[in-house]
Amino acid sequence: MTRRAYPPRAVVTEVGPRDGLQNEKEVVPTEAKAAFVEGLAEAGLPEIEVSSFVSPKWVPQLGDAEELFRRLRPHPRTVFSALVPNERGMERALACGVRKVAVFTAATESFSRRNTNASVEETLERFRPVLAAARAAGVAVRGYLSTAFGCPFEGPVDPAAAARVARELLDLGCDEVSVGDTIGVATPGRVREGLDALREAGVPADRTVLHFHDTRGTALANVLASLVEGYASFDSSAGGVGGCPYAPGAGGNLATEDLLFLLEGLGVETGVDLEKVRNASRGIEAALGRQLPGKVFRAGPAPWAPVR
């Protein structure tokens, strides 16, 4: 394997403020969230998923979405995005000036019903008016596909079945699809099978984002397997904060610092300042009052240039 096997540049989407903090037992103060997002934007991350316009009844940790967006300064290099569950969520997001939103479904019926109280097909139908509103407003849309590699309720997931739902998200009008290893069971072999199935279903690599959890320590290996296959867009969470509140056993988002360290070591450009990400993670760690698990966050980068 040579350096030429890797894409020259990768896109890192920071999901810690939403996907990370939604799993916290205690509500994080809005000012701490705003400082976290601002610090991540200063690090040069091209997209930060700030919050979710879901009902505070269901996710009280993100009940301050409007106030949080009001506190953020514009950053020309960074898109501030948000999750929207339905038309009402879309209306709230547009009122805050959000220019990119995300909708979410799953590759399995059991997880979809536990997460959204609807079947996969029903969730896709719910997206139609949301996507119509997004198109009318010129807002970009991401589609999240959870449990693409394994489900806590149904076990291993057929790659072709997951790929079909990913293709449906694009056909509905999503600009990209984030394919998630929600409970962290994927391995490089399973990732290659999943990427093969996505290609066969007509899901282009440049419209695919990989969202790996490090529950079993395989997230970076899965990133490497994806890079070899030509995939270069990844989600991660600063400091490794968060997991998924609707998936038993899920934990440990891939830490942004760990991802950046790997990419830099491979000569893959990101345009993101790793040390500034660490600074942002320190701030949210203090607000949470506990240690974050990210390895490079804790140890720091090597004191010399990484070996490629």
C-alpha atoms as a PDB file:
ATOM      1  CA  MET A   1       0.000   0.000   0.000  1.00  0.00           C
ATOM      2  CA  THR A   2       1.435   3.398  -0.951  1.00  0.00           C
ATOM      3  CA  ARG A   3       0.453   6.971  -0.222  1.00  0.00           C
ATOM      4  CA  ARG A   4      -1.052   7.148  -3.702  1.00  0.00           C
ATOM      5  CA  ALA A   5      -3.714   4.733  -2.441  1.00  0.00           C
ATOM      6  CA  TYR A   6      -5.242   7.489  -0.299  1.00  0.00           C
ATOM      7  CA  PRO A   7      -7.267  10.510  -1.383  1.00  0.00           C
ATOM      8  CA  PRO A   8      -5.193  13.693  -1.155  1.00  0.00           C
ATOM      9  CA  ARG A   9      -7.787  15.473   0.978  1.00  0.00           C
ATOM     10  CA  ALA A  10     -10.542  14.463   3.406  1.00  0.00           C
ATOM     11  CA  VAL A  11     -13.578  16.308   4.729  1.00  0.00           C
ATOM     12  CA  VAL A  12     -14.223  16.068   8.472  1.00  0.00           C
ATOM     13  CA  THR A  13     -17.689  16.921   9.804  1.00  0.00           C
ATOM     14  CA  GLU A  14     -17.764  17.667  13.524  1.00  0.00           C
ATOM     15  CA  VAL A  15     -20.827  16.162  15.227  1.00  0.00           C
ATOM     16  CA  GLY A  16     -19.842  16.513  18.890  1.00  0.00           C
ATOM     17  CA  PRO A  17     -22.149  19.424  19.766  1.00  0.00           C
ATOM     18  CA  ARG A  18     -25.185  17.458  18.567  1.00  0.00           C
ATOM     19  CA  ASP A  19     -24.480  13.728  18.374  1.00  0.00           C
ATOM     20  CA  GLY A  20     -22.088  13.942  21.302  1.00  0.00           C
ATOM     21  CA  LEU A  21     -23.956  16.134  23.769  1.00  0.00           C
ATOM     22  CA  GLN A  22     -27.398  14.620  23.110  1.00  0.00           C
ATOM     23  CA  ASN A  23     -26.246  11.529  24.972  1.00  0.00           C
ATOM     24  CA  GLU A  24     -25.244  13.375  28.156  1.00  0.00           C
ATOM     25  CA  LYS A  25     -27.318  12.745  31.272  1.00  0.00           C
ATOM     26  CA  GLU A  26     -27.100  16.370  32.362  1.00  0.00           C
ATOM     27  CA  VAL A  27     -27.983  19.408  30.262  1.00  0.00           C
ATOM     28  CA  VAL A  28     -24.865  21.352  29.288  1.00  0.00           C
ATOM     29  CA  PRO A  29     -25.213  25.152  29.708  1.00  0.00           C
ATOM     30  CA  THR A  30     -25.803  27.011  26.461  1.00  0.00           C
ATOM     31  CA  GLU A  31     -22.792  29.253  26.978  1.00  0.00           C
ATOM     32  CA  ALA A  32     -20.525  26.189  27.269  1.00  0.00           C
ATOM     33  CA  LYS A  33     -21.994  24.756  24.057  1.00  0.00           C
ATOM     34  CA  ALA A  34     -21.495  28.050  22.243  1.00  0.00           C
ATOM     35  CA  ALA A  35     -17.862  28.234  23.364  1.00  0.00           C
ATOM     36  CA  PHE A  36     -17.387  24.633  22.202  1.00  0.00           C
ATOM     37  CA  VAL A  37     -18.802  25.358  18.739  1.00  0.00           C
ATOM     38  CA  GLU A  38     -16.853  28.602  18.410  1.00  0.00           C
ATOM     39  CA  GLY A  39     -13.620  26.837  19.327  1.00  0.00           C
ATOM     40  CA  LEU A  40     -14.259  24.116  16.765  1.00  0.00           C
ATOM     41  CA  ALA A  41     -15.006  26.706  14.090  1.00  0.00           C
ATOM     42  CA  GLU A  42     -11.757  28.494  14.910  1.00  0.00           C
ATOM     43  CA  ALA A  43      -9.997  25.170  14.301  1.00  0.00           C
ATOM     44  CA  GLY A  44     -11.131  25.294  10.681  1.00  0.00           C
ATOM     45  CA  LEU A  45     -13.689  22.475  10.608  1.00  0.00           C
ATOM     46  CA  PRO A  46     -15.723  22.869   7.405  1.00  0.00           C
ATOM     47  CA  GLU A  47     -19.006  21.740   8.989  1.00  0.00           C
ATOM     48  CA  ILE A  48     -20.199  21.563  12.577  1.00  0.00           C
ATOM     49  CA  GLU A  49     -23.510  19.940  13.461  1.00  0.00           C
ATOM     50  CA  VAL A  50     -24.562  22.353  16.176  1.00  0.00           C
ATOM     51  CA  SER A  51     -27.827  20.962  17.543  1.00  0.00           C
ATOM     52  CA  SER A  52     -31.176  19.355  16.773  1.00  0.00           C
ATOM     53  CA  PHE A  53     -34.599  20.925  16.371  1.00  0.00           C
ATOM     54  CA  VAL A  54     -36.285  17.944  17.953  1.00  0.00           C
ATOM     55  CA  SER A  55     -38.840  18.434  20.719  1.00  0.00           C
ATOM     56  CA  PRO A  56     -37.165  19.182  24.079  1.00  0.00           C
ATOM     57  CA  LYS A  57     -39.552  16.608  25.522  1.00  0.00           C
ATOM     58  CA  TRP A  58     -37.593  13.868  23.744  1.00  0.00           C
ATOM     59  CA  VAL A  59     -34.075  15.306  23.870  1.00  0.00           C
ATOM     60  CA  PRO A  60     -33.925  17.923  26.652  1.00  0.00           C
ATOM     61  CA  GLN A  61     -30.137  18.141  26.238  1.00  0.00           C
ATOM     62  CA  LEU A  62     -30.718  19.990  22.946  1.00  0.00           C
ATOM     63  CA  GLY A  63     -33.714  22.067  23.974  1.00  0.00           C
ATOM     64  CA  ASP A  64     -31.772  25.313  23.563  1.00  0.00           C
ATOM     65  CA  ALA A  65     -31.172  25.010  19.807  1.00  0.00           C
ATOM     66  CA  GLU A  66     -32.609  28.441  18.944  1.00  0.00           C
ATOM     67  CA  GLU A  67     -30.655  30.211  21.667  1.00  0.00           C
ATOM     68  CA  LEU A  68     -27.458  28.402  20.711  1.00  0.00           C
ATOM     69  CA  PHE A  69     -27.708  29.405  17.054  1.00  0.00           C
ATOM     70  CA  ARG A  70     -28.405  33.009  18.078  1.00  0.00           C
ATOM     71  CA  ARG A  71     -25.152  33.099  20.050  1.00  0.00           C
ATOM     72  CA  LEU A  72     -22.899  31.909  17.218  1.00  0.00           C
ATOM     73  CA  ARG A  73     -20.830  34.318  15.137  1.00  0.00           C
ATOM     74  CA  PRO A  74     -20.612  33.773  11.369  1.00  0.00           C
ATOM     75  CA  HIS A  75     -17.534  31.825  10.281  1.00  0.00           C
ATOM     76  CA  PRO A  76     -16.968  32.049   6.512  1.00  0.00           C
ATOM     77  CA  ARG A  77     -15.161  28.688   6.332  1.00  0.00           C
ATOM     78  CA  THR A  78     -17.668  26.750   8.468  1.00  0.00           C
ATOM     79  CA  VAL A  79     -21.225  25.585   7.844  1.00  0.00           C
ATOM     80  CA  PHE A  80     -23.358  25.316  10.991  1.00  0.00           C
ATOM     81  CA  SER A  81     -25.883  22.510  10.439  1.00  0.00           C
ATOM     82  CA  ALA A  82     -28.680  20.957  12.488  1.00  0.00           C
ATOM     83  CA  LEU A  83     -30.786  17.814  12.695  1.00  0.00           C
ATOM     84  CA  VAL A  84     -34.501  18.215  11.918  1.00  0.00           C
ATOM     85  CA  PRO A  85     -37.026  15.434  12.625  1.00  0.00           C
ATOM     86  CA  ASN A  86     -40.058  16.867  10.824  1.00  0.00           C
ATOM     87  CA  GLU A  87     -41.682  19.931   9.223  1.00  0.00           C
ATOM     88  CA  ARG A  88     -41.916  21.780  12.535  1.00  0.00           C
ATOM     89  CA  GLY A  89     -38.224  21.194  13.133  1.00  0.00           C
ATOM     90  CA  MET A  90     -37.484  22.483   9.637  1.00  0.00           C
ATOM     91  CA  GLU A  91     -39.490  25.640  10.290  1.00  0.00           C
ATOM     92  CA  ARG A  92     -37.520  26.277  13.474  1.00  0.00           C
ATOM     93  CA  ALA A  93     -34.221  25.685  11.684  1.00  0.00           C
ATOM     94  CA  LEU A  94     -35.078  28.068   8.838  1.00  0.00           C
ATOM     95  CA  ALA A  95     -36.140  30.738  11.354  1.00  0.00           C
ATOM     96  CA  CYS A  96     -32.624  30.498  12.818  1.00  0.00           C
ATOM     97  CA  GLY A  97     -30.998  30.918   9.426  1.00  0.00           C
ATOM     98  CA  VAL A  98     -29.653  27.358   9.266  1.00  0.00           C
ATOM     99  CA  ARG A  99     -28.243  26.638   5.796  1.00  0.00           C
ATOM    100  CA  LYS A 100     -27.831  22.866   6.074  1.00  0.00           C
ATOM    101  CA  VAL A 101     -30.058  20.330   7.813  1.00  0.00           C
ATOM    102  CA  ALA A 102     -30.066  16.589   8.366  1.00  0.00           C
ATOM    103  CA  VAL A 103     -32.868  14.018   8.420  1.00  0.00           C
ATOM    104  CA  PHE A 104     -32.482  10.543   9.842  1.00  0.00           C
ATOM    105  CA  THR A 105     -33.644   6.990   9.263  1.00  0.00           C
ATOM    106  CA  ALA A 106     -32.244   3.509   9.784  1.00  0.00           C
ATOM    107  CA  ALA A 107     -31.305   0.406   7.857  1.00  0.00           C
ATOM    108  CA  THR A 108     -33.467  -1.817  10.095  1.00  0.00           C
ATOM    109  CA  GLU A 109     -37.147  -1.697  10.986  1.00  0.00           C
ATOM    110  CA  SER A 110     -36.603  -2.400  14.688  1.00  0.00           C
ATOM    111  CA  PHE A 111     -34.198   0.459  15.194  1.00  0.00           C
ATOM    112  CA  SER A 112     -36.340   2.831  13.146  1.00  0.00           C
ATOM    113  CA  ARG A 113     -39.397   2.077  15.266  1.00  0.00           C
ATOM    114  CA  ARG A 114     -37.462   2.431  18.544  1.00  0.00           C
ATOM    115  CA  ASN A 115     -35.854   5.675  17.391  1.00  0.00           C
ATOM    116  CA  THR A 116     -38.695   7.393  15.489  1.00  0.00           C
ATOM    117  CA  ASN A 117     -41.810   5.340  16.276  1.00  0.00           C
ATOM    118  CA  ALA A 118     -42.183   4.721  12.537  1.00  0.00           C
ATOM    119  CA  SER A 119     -41.123   2.217   9.910  1.00  0.00           C
ATOM    120  CA  VAL A 120     -38.247   2.972   7.557  1.00  0.00           C
ATOM    121  CA  GLU A 121     -40.718   3.687   4.741  1.00  0.00           C
ATOM    122  CA  GLU A 122     -42.772   5.966   6.976  1.00  0.00           C
ATOM    123  CA  THR A 123     -39.702   7.974   7.937  1.00  0.00           C
ATOM    124  CA  LEU A 124     -38.808   8.421   4.271  1.00  0.00           C
ATOM    125  CA  GLU A 125     -42.322   9.676   3.535  1.00  0.00           C
ATOM    126  CA  ARG A 126     -42.042  12.149   6.406  1.00  0.00           C
ATOM    127  CA  PHE A 127     -38.948  13.602   4.771  1.00  0.00           C
ATOM    128  CA  ARG A 128     -40.729  14.675   1.592  1.00  0.00           C
ATOM    129  CA  PRO A 129     -42.181  17.967   2.912  1.00  0.00           C
ATOM    130  CA  VAL A 130     -38.938  18.679   4.786  1.00  0.00           C
ATOM    131  CA  LEU A 131     -36.906  18.233   1.611  1.00  0.00           C
ATOM    132  CA  ALA A 132     -39.382  20.327  -0.362  1.00  0.00           C
ATOM    133  CA  ALA A 133     -38.995  23.146   2.152  1.00  0.00           C
ATOM    134  CA  ALA A 134     -35.216  22.803   2.004  1.00  0.00           C
ATOM    135  CA  ARG A 135     -35.186  23.026  -1.794  1.00  0.00           C
ATOM    136  CA  ALA A 136     -37.438  26.087  -1.729  1.00  0.00           C
ATOM    137  CA  ALA A 137     -35.091  27.788   0.742  1.00  0.00           C
ATOM    138  CA  GLY A 138     -31.883  26.682  -0.981  1.00  0.00           C
ATOM    139  CA  VAL A 139     -30.822  24.683   2.073  1.00  0.00           C
ATOM    140  CA  ALA A 140     -28.581  21.617   1.736  1.00  0.00           C
ATOM    141  CA  VAL A 141     -29.762  18.309   3.228  1.00  0.00           C
ATOM    142  CA  ARG A 142     -27.874  15.360   4.673  1.00  0.00           C
ATOM    143  CA  GLY A 143     -29.564  12.003   5.192  1.00  0.00           C
ATOM    144  CA  TYR A 144     -28.419   9.920   8.150  1.00  0.00           C
ATOM    145  CA  LEU A 145     -28.578   6.139   7.822  1.00  0.00           C
ATOM    146  CA  SER A 146     -28.215   4.480  11.226  1.00  0.00           C
ATOM    147  CA  THR A 147     -27.378   0.810  11.914  1.00  0.00           C
ATOM    148  CA  ALA A 148     -25.881   0.315   8.442  1.00  0.00           C
ATOM    149  CA  PHE A 149     -23.519  -2.424   9.666  1.00  0.00           C
ATOM    150  CA  GLY A 150     -25.276  -3.859  12.702  1.00  0.00           C
ATOM    151  CA  CYS A 151     -28.424  -3.357  14.763  1.00  0.00           C
ATOM    152  CA  PRO A 152     -28.795  -3.811  18.537  1.00  0.00           C
ATOM    153  CA  PHE A 153     -32.176  -5.465  17.947  1.00  0.00           C
ATOM    154  CA  GLU A 154     -31.715  -7.401  14.683  1.00  0.00           C
ATOM    155  CA  GLY A 155     -28.007  -8.215  14.610  1.00  0.00           C
ATOM    156  CA  PRO A 156     -25.894  -8.093  11.410  1.00  0.00           C
ATOM    157  CA  VAL A 157     -27.340  -5.971   8.603  1.00  0.00           C
ATOM    158  CA  ASP A 158     -27.379  -7.040   4.956  1.00  0.00           C
ATOM    159  CA  PRO A 159     -25.133  -4.522   3.148  1.00  0.00           C
ATOM    160  CA  ALA A 160     -27.428  -4.527   0.122  1.00  0.00           C
ATOM    161  CA  ALA A 161     -30.434  -3.664   2.299  1.00  0.00           C
ATOM    162  CA  ALA A 162     -28.590  -0.748   3.894  1.00  0.00           C
ATOM    163  CA  ALA A 163     -27.419   0.453   0.483  1.00  0.00           C
ATOM    164  CA  ARG A 164     -30.984   0.435  -0.851  1.00  0.00           C
ATOM    165  CA  VAL A 165     -32.092   2.827   1.891  1.00  0.00           C
ATOM    166  CA  ALA A 166     -29.048   5.032   1.232  1.00  0.00           C
ATOM    167  CA  ARG A 167     -30.025   5.210  -2.434  1.00  0.00           C
ATOM    168  CA  GLU A 168     -33.602   6.093  -1.474  1.00  0.00           C
ATOM    169  CA  LEU A 169     -32.320   9.010   0.604  1.00  0.00           C
ATOM    170  CA  LEU A 170     -30.486  10.382  -2.404  1.00  0.00           C
ATOM    171  CA  ASP A 171     -33.479   9.781  -4.666  1.00  0.00           C
ATOM    172  CA  LEU A 172     -35.646  11.792  -2.259  1.00  0.00           C
ATOM    173  CA  GLY A 173     -33.314  14.749  -2.688  1.00  0.00           C
ATOM    174  CA  CYS A 174     -30.638  14.450  -0.012  1.00  0.00           C
ATOM    175  CA  ASP A 175     -27.331  15.937  -1.118  1.00  0.00           C
ATOM    176  CA  GLU A 176     -25.322  13.355   0.812  1.00  0.00           C
ATOM    177  CA  VAL A 177     -25.856  10.332   3.035  1.00  0.00           C
ATOM    178  CA  SER A 178     -24.007   9.635   6.267  1.00  0.00           C
ATOM    179  CA  VAL A 179     -23.690   5.863   6.686  1.00  0.00           C
ATOM    180  CA  GLY A 180     -23.481   5.006  10.370  1.00  0.00           C
ATOM    181  CA  ASP A 181     -21.947   2.189  12.375  1.00  0.00           C
ATOM    182  CA  THR A 182     -24.260   3.114  15.228  1.00  0.00           C
ATOM    183  CA  ILE A 183     -23.163   0.475  17.742  1.00  0.00           C
ATOM    184  CA  GLY A 184     -19.549   0.151  16.632  1.00  0.00           C
ATOM    185  CA  VAL A 185     -19.564  -3.397  15.264  1.00  0.00           C
ATOM    186  CA  ALA A 186     -18.047  -2.773  11.835  1.00  0.00           C
ATOM    187  CA  THR A 187     -14.644  -4.158  10.895  1.00  0.00           C
ATOM    188  CA  PRO A 188     -12.604  -3.347   7.760  1.00  0.00           C
ATOM    189  CA  GLY A 189     -13.945  -6.404   5.954  1.00  0.00           C
ATOM    190  CA  ARG A 190     -17.536  -5.451   6.709  1.00  0.00           C
ATOM    191  CA  VAL A 191     -16.800  -1.880   5.666  1.00  0.00           C
ATOM    192  CA  ARG A 192     -15.499  -3.031   2.281  1.00  0.00           C
ATOM    193  CA  GLU A 193     -18.634  -5.129   1.793  1.00  0.00           C
ATOM    194  CA  GLY A 194     -20.779  -2.142   2.693  1.00  0.00           C
ATOM    195  CA  LEU A 195     -18.951   0.186   0.322  1.00  0.00           C
ATOM    196  CA  ASP A 196     -19.210  -2.387  -2.487  1.00  0.00           C
ATOM    197  CA  ALA A 197     -22.967  -2.538  -1.897  1.00  0.00           C
ATOM    198  CA  LEU A 198     -23.247   1.264  -1.934  1.00  0.00           C
ATOM    199  CA  ARG A 199     -21.462   1.424  -5.275  1.00  0.00           C
ATOM    200  CA  GLU A 200     -23.680  -1.306  -6.697  1.00  0.00           C
ATOM    201  CA  ALA A 201     -26.740   0.644  -5.549  1.00  0.00           C
ATOM    202  CA  GLY A 202     -25.497   3.755  -7.332  1.00  0.00           C
ATOM    203  CA  VAL A 203     -24.507   5.752  -4.243  1.00  0.00           C
ATOM    204  CA  PRO A 204     -21.457   7.815  -5.301  1.00  0.00           C
ATOM    205  CA  ALA A 205     -18.411   8.012  -3.058  1.00  0.00           C
ATOM    206  CA  ASP A 206     -18.421  11.811  -3.230  1.00  0.00           C
ATOM    207  CA  ARG A 207     -21.931  11.872  -1.750  1.00  0.00           C
ATOM    208  CA  THR A 208     -21.145   9.372   1.006  1.00  0.00           C
ATOM    209  CA  VAL A 209     -19.981  10.195   4.530  1.00  0.00           C
ATOM    210  CA  LEU A 210     -18.822   7.460   6.919  1.00  0.00           C
ATOM    211  CA  HIS A 211     -19.839   7.711  10.573  1.00  0.00           C
ATOM    212  CA  PHE A 212     -17.910   5.210  12.687  1.00  0.00           C
ATOM    213  CA  HIS A 213     -18.204   4.620  16.409  1.00  0.00           C
ATOM    214  CA  ASP A 214     -15.199   3.344  18.327  1.00  0.00           C
ATOM    215  CA  THR A 215     -17.156   1.131  20.722  1.00  0.00           C
ATOM    216  CA  ARG A 216     -14.897  -1.867  20.012  1.00  0.00           C
ATOM    217  CA  GLY A 217     -11.772   0.002  18.957  1.00  0.00           C
ATOM    218  CA  THR A 218     -12.161  -0.441  15.190  1.00  0.00           C
ATOM    219  CA  ALA A 219     -13.135   3.073  14.071  1.00  0.00           C
ATOM    220  CA  LEU A 220      -9.706   4.137  12.796  1.00  0.00           C
ATOM    221  CA  ALA A 221      -9.173   0.792  11.066  1.00  0.00           C
ATOM    222  CA  ASN A 222     -12.518   1.348   9.347  1.00  0.00           C
ATOM    223  CA  VAL A 223     -11.478   4.844   8.289  1.00  0.00           C
ATOM    224  CA  LEU A 224      -8.298   3.417   6.778  1.00  0.00           C
ATOM    225  CA  ALA A 225     -10.281   0.753   4.895  1.00  0.00           C
ATOM    226  CA  SER A 226     -12.569   3.483   3.564  1.00  0.00           C
ATOM    227  CA  LEU A 227      -9.684   5.665   2.429  1.00  0.00           C
ATOM    228  CA  VAL A 228      -8.195   2.777   0.453  1.00  0.00           C
ATOM    229  CA  GLU A 229     -11.564   2.445  -1.303  1.00  0.00           C
ATOM    230  CA  GLY A 230     -11.505   6.133  -2.233  1.00  0.00           C
ATOM    231  CA  TYR A 231     -13.918   7.460   0.403  1.00  0.00           C
ATOM    232  CA  ALA A 232     -12.812  10.705   2.007  1.00  0.00           C
ATOM    233  CA  SER A 233     -15.645  12.168   4.124  1.00  0.00           C
ATOM    234  CA  PHE A 234     -15.987  11.271   7.798  1.00  0.00           C
ATOM    235  CA  ASP A 235     -17.955  12.299  10.877  1.00  0.00           C
ATOM    236  CA  SER A 236     -16.246  12.607  14.231  1.00  0.00           C
ATOM    237  CA  SER A 237     -16.758  14.074  17.693  1.00  0.00           C
ATOM    238  CA  ALA A 238     -14.223  16.266  19.486  1.00  0.00           C
ATOM    239  CA  GLY A 239     -12.701  14.469  22.438  1.00  0.00           C
ATOM    240  CA  GLY A 240     -14.773  11.377  21.608  1.00  0.00           C
ATOM    241  CA  VAL A 241     -17.815  12.708  23.422  1.00  0.00           C
ATOM    242  CA  GLY A 242     -21.147  10.939  22.981  1.00  0.00           C
ATOM    243  CA  GLY A 243     -22.779   7.855  21.524  1.00  0.00           C
ATOM    244  CA  CYS A 244     -26.401   7.060  20.715  1.00  0.00           C
ATOM    245  CA  PRO A 245     -29.152   7.189  23.389  1.00  0.00           C
ATOM    246  CA  TYR A 246     -31.433   4.870  21.410  1.00  0.00           C
ATOM    247  CA  ALA A 247     -28.924   2.070  20.810  1.00  0.00           C
ATOM    248  CA  PRO A 248     -28.037  -0.183  23.762  1.00  0.00           C
ATOM    249  CA  GLY A 249     -24.295  -0.736  23.850  1.00  0.00           C
ATOM    250  CA  ALA A 250     -23.452   2.263  21.688  1.00  0.00           C
ATOM    251  CA  GLY A 251     -20.709   4.499  22.958  1.00  0.00           C
ATOM    252  CA  GLY A 252     -17.610   6.286  21.950  1.00  0.00           C
ATOM    253  CA  ASN A 253     -17.931   8.366  18.833  1.00  0.00           C
ATOM    254  CA  LEU A 254     -14.727   8.453  16.832  1.00  0.00           C
ATOM    255  CA  ALA A 255     -12.695  11.279  18.364  1.00  0.00           C
ATOM    256  CA  THR A 256     -11.936  14.119  15.974  1.00  0.00           C
ATOM    257  CA  GLU A 257      -8.377  14.402  17.273  1.00  0.00           C
ATOM    258  CA  ASP A 258      -7.744  10.697  16.635  1.00  0.00           C
ATOM    259  CA  LEU A 259      -9.125  10.998  13.105  1.00  0.00           C
ATOM    260  CA  LEU A 260      -7.041  14.092  12.341  1.00  0.00           C
ATOM    261  CA  PHE A 261      -3.875  12.471  13.677  1.00  0.00           C
ATOM    262  CA  LEU A 262      -4.390   9.444  11.427  1.00  0.00           C
ATOM    263  CA  LEU A 263      -5.143  11.545   8.356  1.00  0.00           C
ATOM    264  CA  GLU A 264      -2.177  13.826   8.922  1.00  0.00           C
ATOM    265  CA  GLY A 265       0.062  10.800   9.363  1.00  0.00           C
ATOM    266  CA  LEU A 266      -1.093   9.481   5.980  1.00  0.00           C
ATOM    267  CA  GLY A 267      -0.486  12.796   4.245  1.00  0.00           C
ATOM    268  CA  VAL A 268      -4.220  13.410   3.756  1.00  0.00           C
ATOM    269  CA  GLU A 269      -5.010  17.111   4.056  1.00  0.00           C
ATOM    270  CA  THR A 270      -7.978  18.378   6.089  1.00  0.00           C
ATOM    271  CA  GLY A 271      -7.313  22.063   6.720  1.00  0.00           C
ATOM    272  CA  VAL A 272      -8.161  21.528  10.400  1.00  0.00           C
ATOM    273  CA  ASP A 273      -5.891  22.595  13.264  1.00  0.00           C
ATOM    274  CA  LEU A 274      -5.618  19.607  15.604  1.00  0.00           C
ATOM    275  CA  GLU A 275      -4.380  21.648  18.585  1.00  0.00           C
ATOM    276  CA  LYS A 276      -7.300  24.049  18.320  1.00  0.00           C
ATOM    277  CA  VAL A 277      -9.681  21.088  18.323  1.00  0.00           C
ATOM    278  CA  ARG A 278      -7.973  19.851  21.506  1.00  0.00           C
ATOM    279  CA  ASN A 279      -8.492  23.282  23.065  1.00  0.00           C
ATOM    280  CA  ALA A 280     -12.205  23.141  22.253  1.00  0.00           C
ATOM    281  CA  SER A 281     -12.392  19.655  23.749  1.00  0.00           C
ATOM    282  CA  ARG A 282     -10.771  20.884  26.965  1.00  0.00           C
ATOM    283  CA  GLY A 283     -13.512  23.438  27.355  1.00  0.00           C
ATOM    284  CA  ILE A 284     -16.384  21.005  26.938  1.00  0.00           C
ATOM    285  CA  GLU A 285     -14.598  18.474  29.169  1.00  0.00           C
ATOM    286  CA  ALA A 286     -14.561  21.070  31.941  1.00  0.00           C
ATOM    287  CA  ALA A 287     -18.268  21.770  31.404  1.00  0.00           C
ATOM    288  CA  LEU A 288     -19.077  18.048  31.564  1.00  0.00           C
ATOM    289  CA  GLY A 289     -16.968  17.518  34.674  1.00  0.00           C
ATOM    290  CA  ARG A 290     -15.462  14.243  33.509  1.00  0.00           C
ATOM    291  CA  GLN A 291     -12.627  13.014  31.330  1.00  0.00           C
ATOM    292  CA  LEU A 292     -13.248  12.600  27.621  1.00  0.00           C
ATOM    293  CA  PRO A 293     -11.970   9.345  26.074  1.00  0.00           C
ATOM    294  CA  GLY A 294     -10.219  10.579  22.919  1.00  0.00           C
ATOM    295  CA  LYS A 295      -6.700   9.152  22.860  1.00  0.00           C
ATOM    296  CA  VAL A 296      -4.940  11.961  20.986  1.00  0.00           C
ATOM    297  CA  PHE A 297      -6.932  14.494  22.993  1.00  0.00           C
ATOM    298  CA  ARG A 298      -5.498  12.977  26.169  1.00  0.00           C
ATOM    299  CA  ALA A 299      -1.953  12.189  25.006  1.00  0.00           C
ATOM    300  CA  GLY A 300      -1.433  14.930  22.456  1.00  0.00           C
ATOM    301  CA  PRO A 301       0.111  14.455  19.025  1.00  0.00           C
ATOM    302  CA  ALA A 302       3.583  12.975  18.680  1.00  0.00           C
ATOM    303  CA  PRO A 303       6.350  15.534  19.397  1.00  0.00           C
ATOM    304  CA  TRP A 304       7.780  14.903  15.939  1.00  0.00           C
ATOM    305  CA  ALA A 305       6.315  14.702  12.446  1.00  0.00           C
ATOM    306  CA  PRO A 306       4.206  11.535  12.082  1.00  0.00           C
ATOM    307  CA  VAL A 307       5.709   8.692  10.057  1.00  0.00           C
ATOM    308  CA  ARG A 308       3.771   8.111   6.808  1.00  0.00           C
END
